[in-house]
Amino acid sequence: MQTLIIACGALAREVLALIKLNDWQHMELTCLPADLHLRPEKIPDAVERAVEAARSKYEQIFVAYADCGTGGLLAARCEKLGVKMISGPHCYSFFDGNETFAERGEVTSFFLTDFLARQFDAFVWKPMGLDKHPELRDMYFGNYEKLVYLAQTEDASLTVAAEAAAHKLGLAFERRFTAYGDLETALIC
């Protein structure tokens, strides 16, 4: 069954790695811009446009997004469109494992994935204006205690980058190797 995965651009490397690792020749990937996370209210419409544009070409479409700040709107839209999506509040939870993530209840932790460790300045530091106004750091991150890097790969340079991000934010640092977590399980359609 030919399957299209419509994914957040922040998951492109991980989804492609899983397709290759599992030899899923029936799957193709298309990604929406990762910066939609800066405006999560736009995610449902972007996903709907991608689903409608691809519907006639694929037997199955899977949405590789969790809720991602849409307040349930993405899940409702996917249900209306008749497509499945990853469960969970965001990619941090499904990389860590939704159940494990919920049990930890880490409300004072800021999370990075491989993508965000690689793109910290472009997706966190600059969009929040911290490059121009570093004095805002404590206002934004003052209630956080640590930065948790959920590593999908064993890449020492990404660990160094994540630790540097923690230092920039004035947070303690913790690294957890999660691999692909629930993402791999969800893609086994």
C-alpha atoms as a PDB file:
ATOM      1  CA  MET A   1       0.000   0.000   0.000  1.00  0.00           C
ATOM      2  CA  GLN A   2       1.628   3.267  -1.118  1.00  0.00           C
ATOM      3  CA  THR A   3       1.790   5.546   1.891  1.00  0.00           C
ATOM      4  CA  LEU A   4       2.602   9.229   2.078  1.00  0.00           C
ATOM      5  CA  ILE A   5       3.939  10.593   5.327  1.00  0.00           C
ATOM      6  CA  ILE A   6       3.236  14.284   5.760  1.00  0.00           C
ATOM      7  CA  ALA A   7       5.703  15.371   8.408  1.00  0.00           C
ATOM      8  CA  CYS A   8       6.912  18.412  10.206  1.00  0.00           C
ATOM      9  CA  GLY A   9      10.198  19.504   8.635  1.00  0.00           C
ATOM     10  CA  ALA A  10      11.795  19.101  12.065  1.00  0.00           C
ATOM     11  CA  LEU A  11      11.274  15.332  11.687  1.00  0.00           C
ATOM     12  CA  ALA A  12      12.574  14.922   8.123  1.00  0.00           C
ATOM     13  CA  ARG A  13      15.929  13.335   9.019  1.00  0.00           C
ATOM     14  CA  GLU A  14      14.354  10.987  11.519  1.00  0.00           C
ATOM     15  CA  VAL A  15      11.567   9.828   9.196  1.00  0.00           C
ATOM     16  CA  LEU A  16      14.004   9.317   6.312  1.00  0.00           C
ATOM     17  CA  ALA A  17      16.331   7.371   8.606  1.00  0.00           C
ATOM     18  CA  LEU A  18      13.456   5.110   9.691  1.00  0.00           C
ATOM     19  CA  ILE A  19      12.354   4.538   6.097  1.00  0.00           C
ATOM     20  CA  LYS A  20      15.893   3.496   5.184  1.00  0.00           C
ATOM     21  CA  LEU A  21      16.514   1.468   8.352  1.00  0.00           C
ATOM     22  CA  ASN A  22      13.291  -0.523   7.946  1.00  0.00           C
ATOM     23  CA  ASP A  23      13.422  -0.705   4.134  1.00  0.00           C
ATOM     24  CA  TRP A  24       9.934   0.781   3.893  1.00  0.00           C
ATOM     25  CA  GLN A  25       9.849   1.032   0.123  1.00  0.00           C
ATOM     26  CA  HIS A  26       6.114   1.719   0.153  1.00  0.00           C
ATOM     27  CA  MET A  27       6.556   5.023   1.993  1.00  0.00           C
ATOM     28  CA  GLU A  28       7.289   8.471   0.683  1.00  0.00           C
ATOM     29  CA  LEU A  29       7.845  11.628   2.676  1.00  0.00           C
ATOM     30  CA  THR A  30       6.794  15.202   2.186  1.00  0.00           C
ATOM     31  CA  CYS A  31       7.498  17.833   4.796  1.00  0.00           C
ATOM     32  CA  LEU A  32       5.866  21.058   5.807  1.00  0.00           C
ATOM     33  CA  PRO A  33       8.078  23.905   7.044  1.00  0.00           C
ATOM     34  CA  ALA A  34       9.369  23.373  10.581  1.00  0.00           C
ATOM     35  CA  ASP A  35       8.775  27.034  11.357  1.00  0.00           C
ATOM     36  CA  LEU A  36       5.021  26.388  11.397  1.00  0.00           C
ATOM     37  CA  HIS A  37       5.680  25.662  15.080  1.00  0.00           C
ATOM     38  CA  LEU A  38       6.143  29.382  15.539  1.00  0.00           C
ATOM     39  CA  ARG A  39       2.477  29.758  14.517  1.00  0.00           C
ATOM     40  CA  PRO A  40       0.819  26.436  15.475  1.00  0.00           C
ATOM     41  CA  GLU A  41      -2.641  27.712  14.576  1.00  0.00           C
ATOM     42  CA  LYS A  42      -1.513  27.448  10.929  1.00  0.00           C
ATOM     43  CA  ILE A  43      -0.579  23.755  11.156  1.00  0.00           C
ATOM     44  CA  PRO A  44      -4.096  22.275  10.640  1.00  0.00           C
ATOM     45  CA  ASP A  45      -4.705  24.270   7.443  1.00  0.00           C
ATOM     46  CA  ALA A  46      -1.244  23.436   6.075  1.00  0.00           C
ATOM     47  CA  VAL A  47      -1.779  19.743   6.801  1.00  0.00           C
ATOM     48  CA  GLU A  48      -5.216  19.813   5.181  1.00  0.00           C
ATOM     49  CA  ARG A  49      -3.818  21.418   2.015  1.00  0.00           C
ATOM     50  CA  ALA A  50      -1.070  18.764   1.847  1.00  0.00           C
ATOM     51  CA  VAL A  51      -3.534  15.908   2.410  1.00  0.00           C
ATOM     52  CA  GLU A  52      -5.953  17.191  -0.233  1.00  0.00           C
ATOM     53  CA  ALA A  53      -3.139  17.711  -2.754  1.00  0.00           C
ATOM     54  CA  ALA A  54      -1.897  14.134  -2.270  1.00  0.00           C
ATOM     55  CA  ARG A  55      -5.083  12.186  -1.626  1.00  0.00           C
ATOM     56  CA  SER A  56      -5.549  10.907  -5.195  1.00  0.00           C
ATOM     57  CA  LYS A  57      -1.933   9.699  -5.472  1.00  0.00           C
ATOM     58  CA  TYR A  58      -1.684   7.530  -2.327  1.00  0.00           C
ATOM     59  CA  GLU A  59      -3.646   4.706  -0.810  1.00  0.00           C
ATOM     60  CA  GLN A  60      -2.819   5.884   2.696  1.00  0.00           C
ATOM     61  CA  ILE A  61      -1.672   9.177   4.233  1.00  0.00           C
ATOM     62  CA  PHE A  62      -0.148   9.469   7.689  1.00  0.00           C
ATOM     63  CA  VAL A  63       0.478  12.774   9.473  1.00  0.00           C
ATOM     64  CA  ALA A  64       3.769  12.821  11.373  1.00  0.00           C
ATOM     65  CA  TYR A  65       2.845  15.603  13.755  1.00  0.00           C
ATOM     66  CA  ALA A  66       1.654  15.351  17.325  1.00  0.00           C
ATOM     67  CA  ASP A  67      -0.659  18.096  18.637  1.00  0.00           C
ATOM     68  CA  CYS A  68       2.241  20.580  18.479  1.00  0.00           C
ATOM     69  CA  GLY A  69       0.433  23.423  20.208  1.00  0.00           C
ATOM     70  CA  THR A  70      -2.745  23.304  18.118  1.00  0.00           C
ATOM     71  CA  GLY A  71      -4.969  22.700  21.133  1.00  0.00           C
ATOM     72  CA  GLY A  72      -6.579  19.631  19.581  1.00  0.00           C
ATOM     73  CA  LEU A  73      -7.338  21.344  16.276  1.00  0.00           C
ATOM     74  CA  LEU A  74      -4.908  19.174  14.307  1.00  0.00           C
ATOM     75  CA  ALA A  75      -6.394  15.943  15.675  1.00  0.00           C
ATOM     76  CA  ALA A  76      -9.907  17.143  14.822  1.00  0.00           C
ATOM     77  CA  ARG A  77      -8.817  18.095  11.313  1.00  0.00           C
ATOM     78  CA  CYS A  78      -7.071  14.756  10.744  1.00  0.00           C
ATOM     79  CA  GLU A  79     -10.188  12.939  11.930  1.00  0.00           C
ATOM     80  CA  LYS A  80     -12.320  14.994   9.547  1.00  0.00           C
ATOM     81  CA  LEU A  81      -9.891  14.191   6.711  1.00  0.00           C
ATOM     82  CA  GLY A  82      -9.824  10.506   7.631  1.00  0.00           C
ATOM     83  CA  VAL A  83      -6.062  10.334   8.186  1.00  0.00           C
ATOM     84  CA  LYS A  84      -4.114   9.079  11.184  1.00  0.00           C
ATOM     85  CA  MET A  85      -1.521  11.077  13.088  1.00  0.00           C
ATOM     86  CA  ILE A  86       0.978  10.529  15.900  1.00  0.00           C
ATOM     87  CA  SER A  87      -0.538  10.708  19.337  1.00  0.00           C
ATOM     88  CA  GLY A  88       0.887  12.946  22.006  1.00  0.00           C
ATOM     89  CA  PRO A  89       1.233  16.619  22.800  1.00  0.00           C
ATOM     90  CA  HIS A  90       4.475  17.173  20.820  1.00  0.00           C
ATOM     91  CA  CYS A  91       7.569  15.454  19.460  1.00  0.00           C
ATOM     92  CA  TYR A  92       9.326  15.602  22.822  1.00  0.00           C
ATOM     93  CA  SER A  93       6.730  13.278  24.250  1.00  0.00           C
ATOM     94  CA  PHE A  94       6.738  10.746  21.423  1.00  0.00           C
ATOM     95  CA  PHE A  95      10.535  10.644  21.216  1.00  0.00           C
ATOM     96  CA  ASP A  96      10.702  10.024  24.957  1.00  0.00           C
ATOM     97  CA  GLY A  97       7.667   7.713  24.736  1.00  0.00           C
ATOM     98  CA  ASN A  98       4.276   9.279  25.442  1.00  0.00           C
ATOM     99  CA  GLU A  99       3.676   7.211  28.559  1.00  0.00           C
ATOM    100  CA  THR A 100       7.161   7.823  29.968  1.00  0.00           C
ATOM    101  CA  PHE A 101       6.954  11.516  29.188  1.00  0.00           C
ATOM    102  CA  ALA A 102       3.608  11.864  30.971  1.00  0.00           C
ATOM    103  CA  GLU A 103       4.868   9.973  34.024  1.00  0.00           C
ATOM    104  CA  ARG A 104       7.877  12.262  34.381  1.00  0.00           C
ATOM    105  CA  GLY A 105       5.750  15.415  34.479  1.00  0.00           C
ATOM    106  CA  GLU A 106       8.739  17.636  33.804  1.00  0.00           C
ATOM    107  CA  VAL A 107       7.058  21.014  33.670  1.00  0.00           C
ATOM    108  CA  THR A 108      10.274  22.855  34.553  1.00  0.00           C
ATOM    109  CA  SER A 109      12.302  21.304  31.716  1.00  0.00           C
ATOM    110  CA  PHE A 110      12.957  22.778  28.302  1.00  0.00           C
ATOM    111  CA  PHE A 111      13.440  20.123  25.623  1.00  0.00           C
ATOM    112  CA  LEU A 112      15.604  19.812  22.555  1.00  0.00           C
ATOM    113  CA  THR A 113      15.626  17.104  19.904  1.00  0.00           C
ATOM    114  CA  ASP A 114      18.440  16.473  17.417  1.00  0.00           C
ATOM    115  CA  PHE A 115      16.778  18.965  15.076  1.00  0.00           C
ATOM    116  CA  LEU A 116      16.592  21.690  17.729  1.00  0.00           C
ATOM    117  CA  ALA A 117      20.133  21.019  18.934  1.00  0.00           C
ATOM    118  CA  ARG A 118      21.255  21.478  15.328  1.00  0.00           C
ATOM    119  CA  GLN A 119      19.014  24.528  14.724  1.00  0.00           C
ATOM    120  CA  PHE A 120      18.835  26.170  18.157  1.00  0.00           C
ATOM    121  CA  ASP A 121      19.720  29.676  17.044  1.00  0.00           C
ATOM    122  CA  ALA A 122      17.408  29.612  14.017  1.00  0.00           C
ATOM    123  CA  PHE A 123      14.365  28.110  15.784  1.00  0.00           C
ATOM    124  CA  VAL A 124      14.700  29.305  19.393  1.00  0.00           C
ATOM    125  CA  TRP A 125      17.241  32.055  19.997  1.00  0.00           C
ATOM    126  CA  LYS A 126      16.503  34.368  17.042  1.00  0.00           C
ATOM    127  CA  PRO A 127      12.696  33.935  16.763  1.00  0.00           C
ATOM    128  CA  MET A 128      12.384  34.794  20.451  1.00  0.00           C
ATOM    129  CA  GLY A 129      14.471  37.919  19.873  1.00  0.00           C
ATOM    130  CA  LEU A 130      17.208  36.773  22.249  1.00  0.00           C
ATOM    131  CA  ASP A 131      19.905  37.556  19.682  1.00  0.00           C
ATOM    132  CA  LYS A 132      18.968  41.241  19.948  1.00  0.00           C
ATOM    133  CA  HIS A 133      17.594  41.299  23.493  1.00  0.00           C
ATOM    134  CA  PRO A 134      19.407  38.697  25.620  1.00  0.00           C
ATOM    135  CA  GLU A 135      17.983  40.362  28.715  1.00  0.00           C
ATOM    136  CA  LEU A 136      14.667  38.652  27.856  1.00  0.00           C
ATOM    137  CA  ARG A 137      16.187  35.233  28.580  1.00  0.00           C
ATOM    138  CA  ASP A 138      15.227  35.183  32.245  1.00  0.00           C
ATOM    139  CA  MET A 139      11.706  36.370  31.466  1.00  0.00           C
ATOM    140  CA  TYR A 140      11.227  33.528  28.953  1.00  0.00           C
ATOM    141  CA  PHE A 141      13.162  30.803  30.725  1.00  0.00           C
ATOM    142  CA  GLY A 142      13.174  31.864  34.373  1.00  0.00           C
ATOM    143  CA  ASN A 143      10.770  29.101  35.437  1.00  0.00           C
ATOM    144  CA  TYR A 144      12.778  26.353  33.765  1.00  0.00           C
ATOM    145  CA  GLU A 145      15.374  24.439  35.741  1.00  0.00           C
ATOM    146  CA  LYS A 146      17.044  22.311  33.101  1.00  0.00           C
ATOM    147  CA  LEU A 147      17.368  21.680  29.406  1.00  0.00           C
ATOM    148  CA  VAL A 148      16.759  18.037  28.483  1.00  0.00           C
ATOM    149  CA  TYR A 149      18.292  16.924  25.212  1.00  0.00           C
ATOM    150  CA  LEU A 150      16.340  13.954  23.846  1.00  0.00           C
ATOM    151  CA  ALA A 151      18.932  12.490  21.474  1.00  0.00           C
ATOM    152  CA  GLN A 152      17.732  10.459  18.518  1.00  0.00           C
ATOM    153  CA  THR A 153      21.285   9.673  17.397  1.00  0.00           C
ATOM    154  CA  GLU A 154      24.678   9.145  18.964  1.00  0.00           C
ATOM    155  CA  ASP A 155      26.263  12.339  17.657  1.00  0.00           C
ATOM    156  CA  ALA A 156      28.787  13.966  19.975  1.00  0.00           C
ATOM    157  CA  SER A 157      28.621  17.283  18.091  1.00  0.00           C
ATOM    158  CA  LEU A 158      24.877  17.529  18.754  1.00  0.00           C
ATOM    159  CA  THR A 159      25.431  16.845  22.449  1.00  0.00           C
ATOM    160  CA  VAL A 160      27.976  19.677  22.507  1.00  0.00           C
ATOM    161  CA  ALA A 161      25.484  21.952  20.717  1.00  0.00           C
ATOM    162  CA  ALA A 162      22.667  21.034  23.119  1.00  0.00           C
ATOM    163  CA  GLU A 163      24.901  21.642  26.112  1.00  0.00           C
ATOM    164  CA  ALA A 164      25.882  25.031  24.664  1.00  0.00           C
ATOM    165  CA  ALA A 165      22.178  25.862  24.293  1.00  0.00           C
ATOM    166  CA  ALA A 166      21.615  24.974  27.953  1.00  0.00           C
ATOM    167  CA  HIS A 167      24.474  27.269  28.909  1.00  0.00           C
ATOM    168  CA  LYS A 168      23.032  30.115  26.780  1.00  0.00           C
ATOM    169  CA  LEU A 169      19.705  29.682  28.550  1.00  0.00           C
ATOM    170  CA  GLY A 170      21.289  29.462  31.982  1.00  0.00           C
ATOM    171  CA  LEU A 171      19.864  25.974  32.586  1.00  0.00           C
ATOM    172  CA  ALA A 172      21.259  22.715  33.927  1.00  0.00           C
ATOM    173  CA  PHE A 173      21.831  20.109  31.210  1.00  0.00           C
ATOM    174  CA  GLU A 174      20.646  16.525  30.868  1.00  0.00           C
ATOM    175  CA  ARG A 175      21.022  14.217  27.866  1.00  0.00           C
ATOM    176  CA  ARG A 176      18.754  11.213  27.278  1.00  0.00           C
ATOM    177  CA  PHE A 177      19.210   8.854  24.380  1.00  0.00           C
ATOM    178  CA  THR A 178      15.706   8.073  23.127  1.00  0.00           C
ATOM    179  CA  ALA A 179      16.398   6.958  19.557  1.00  0.00           C
ATOM    180  CA  TYR A 180      13.125   7.327  17.629  1.00  0.00           C
ATOM    181  CA  GLY A 181      10.772   6.457  20.497  1.00  0.00           C
ATOM    182  CA  ASP A 182       7.120   6.200  19.551  1.00  0.00           C
ATOM    183  CA  LEU A 183       7.788   7.747  16.112  1.00  0.00           C
ATOM    184  CA  GLU A 184       8.938   4.408  14.728  1.00  0.00           C
ATOM    185  CA  THR A 185       5.990   2.573  16.233  1.00  0.00           C
ATOM    186  CA  ALA A 186       3.558   5.135  14.832  1.00  0.00           C
ATOM    187  CA  LEU A 187       4.970   4.826  11.319  1.00  0.00           C
ATOM    188  CA  ILE A 188       4.392   1.082  11.218  1.00  0.00           C
ATOM    189  CA  CYS A 189       1.060   1.568   9.470  1.00  0.00           C
END
